[in-house]
Amino acid sequence: MLFKPGENERLYYTVTEVAELLNVNASLLRFWEKEFDIINPKRNKKGTRFYTAADIEKIRMIHRLVKEQGFTLQGARDKMKARQDHQIDHNAEVLSKLRHVREVLIKIENSI
């Protein structure tokens, strides 16, 4: 089973399925979970890990940075932190623009 976004998408995937998807060992995923606090799979009472699509995207980014682009673990953490900070700034900007659009729409509605 390989995860393909939008195609029979499930809520949760096992560590084995995610490992197969990225062609890595499950032990590497468990190691990255300890090294990167952004990876937080849900666990059942037995301790089995279940990853969401969002978790998988974070893991893909780590894989890309470490395995494909040659970043160290610290370098990958720094890059992801910078990306997260940028995303927060971007979200604030989008929110501000949406508030402005809302104000304009309310003015238009009130003038009709």
Protein backbone atom coordinates (compact mmCIF):
# COMPACT_ATOMS: atom_id res chain seq x y z
CA MET A 1 0.00 0.00 0.00
CA LEU A 2 1.41 3.36 -0.98
CA PHE A 3 -0.14 6.61 0.15
CA LYS A 4 -1.37 8.76 -2.71
CA PRO A 5 -2.98 12.04 -1.59
CA GLY A 6 -6.63 12.28 -2.49
CA GLU A 7 -6.87 8.64 -3.54
CA ASN A 8 -8.69 6.53 -0.96
CA GLU A 9 -7.14 8.71 1.71
CA ARG A 10 -7.43 7.32 5.21
CA LEU A 11 -7.15 9.15 8.50
CA TYR A 12 -4.24 7.11 9.86
CA TYR A 13 -1.32 5.10 8.51
CA THR A 14 0.94 2.67 10.35
CA VAL A 15 4.68 3.14 10.75
CA THR A 16 5.19 0.24 8.33
CA GLU A 17 3.08 1.91 5.64
CA VAL A 18 4.90 5.23 6.03
CA ALA A 19 8.28 3.47 5.97
CA GLU A 20 7.30 1.69 2.74
CA LEU A 21 6.14 4.96 1.22
CA LEU A 22 9.53 6.62 1.81
CA ASN A 23 11.56 3.46 1.29
CA VAL A 24 13.19 3.73 4.72
CA ASN A 25 13.27 1.54 7.80
CA ALA A 26 10.58 1.99 10.46
CA SER A 27 13.41 2.45 12.96
CA LEU A 28 14.49 5.60 11.10
CA LEU A 29 10.98 7.01 11.48
CA ARG A 30 11.06 6.25 15.20
CA PHE A 31 14.47 7.96 15.44
CA TRP A 32 13.21 11.04 13.58
CA GLU A 33 10.23 11.15 15.94
CA LYS A 34 12.69 11.59 18.82
CA GLU A 35 14.79 14.15 16.94
CA PHE A 36 11.98 16.32 15.52
CA ASP A 37 9.27 17.44 17.93
CA ILE A 38 6.93 18.22 15.03
CA ILE A 39 6.34 14.50 14.46
CA ASN A 40 3.70 13.35 16.93
CA PRO A 41 1.95 10.20 15.76
CA LYS A 42 -1.07 9.11 17.70
CA ARG A 43 -0.70 5.89 19.66
CA ASN A 44 -3.16 3.27 20.76
CA LYS A 45 -3.05 1.54 24.16
CA LYS A 46 -0.49 -0.94 22.85
CA GLY A 47 1.77 1.93 21.74
CA THR A 48 1.30 1.35 18.01
CA ARG A 49 2.01 4.55 16.07
CA PHE A 50 -0.59 5.97 13.70
CA TYR A 51 0.40 8.81 11.37
CA THR A 52 -1.94 11.36 9.82
CA ALA A 53 -1.51 12.79 6.32
CA ALA A 54 -0.11 15.96 7.97
CA ASP A 55 2.46 13.84 9.86
CA ILE A 56 3.45 12.18 6.60
CA GLU A 57 3.99 15.54 4.91
CA LYS A 58 6.28 16.64 7.76
CA ILE A 59 8.19 13.37 7.48
CA ARG A 60 8.48 13.82 3.71
CA MET A 61 10.00 17.24 4.28
CA ILE A 62 12.51 15.84 6.78
CA HIS A 63 13.33 13.03 4.35
CA ARG A 64 13.84 15.52 1.51
CA LEU A 65 16.10 17.74 3.63
CA VAL A 66 18.19 14.98 5.21
CA LYS A 67 18.31 12.22 2.60
CA GLU A 68 18.02 14.15 -0.67
CA GLN A 69 19.54 17.56 0.11
CA GLY A 70 22.17 16.37 2.59
CA PHE A 71 21.21 18.54 5.58
CA THR A 72 22.39 17.51 9.03
CA LEU A 73 19.66 16.83 11.57
CA GLN A 74 20.32 20.23 13.19
CA GLY A 75 20.33 21.89 9.78
CA ALA A 76 16.99 20.27 8.95
CA ARG A 77 15.54 21.39 12.30
CA ASP A 78 16.73 24.96 11.65
CA LYS A 79 15.31 24.93 8.11
CA MET A 80 11.95 23.64 9.31
CA LYS A 81 11.86 26.22 12.11
CA ALA A 82 12.55 29.00 9.60
CA ARG A 83 9.82 27.60 7.35
CA GLN A 84 7.41 27.49 10.29
CA ASP A 85 8.24 31.10 11.20
CA HIS A 86 7.73 32.12 7.58
CA GLN A 87 4.40 30.26 7.50
CA ILE A 88 3.24 32.09 10.64
CA ASP A 89 4.15 35.44 9.06
CA HIS A 90 2.39 34.45 5.84
CA ASN A 91 -0.73 33.34 7.72
CA ALA A 92 -0.87 36.65 9.59
CA GLU A 93 -0.60 38.54 6.30
CA VAL A 94 -3.38 36.47 4.71
CA LEU A 95 -5.58 36.96 7.76
CA SER A 96 -5.07 40.71 7.60
CA LYS A 97 -6.04 40.76 3.92
CA LEU A 98 -9.12 38.65 4.60
CA ARG A 99 -10.22 41.04 7.35
CA HIS A 100 -9.86 43.94 4.93
CA VAL A 101 -11.92 42.12 2.28
CA ARG A 102 -14.57 41.39 4.90
CA GLU A 103 -14.75 45.08 5.86
CA VAL A 104 -15.14 46.07 2.20
CA LEU A 105 -17.87 43.48 1.68
CA ILE A 106 -19.73 44.65 4.76
CA LYS A 107 -19.56 48.27 3.48
CA ILE A 108 -20.90 47.13 0.11
CA GLU A 109 -23.70 45.17 1.79
CA ASN A 110 -24.65 48.15 3.95
CA SER A 111 -24.72 50.51 0.97
CA ILE A 112 -27.22 48.37 -0.94
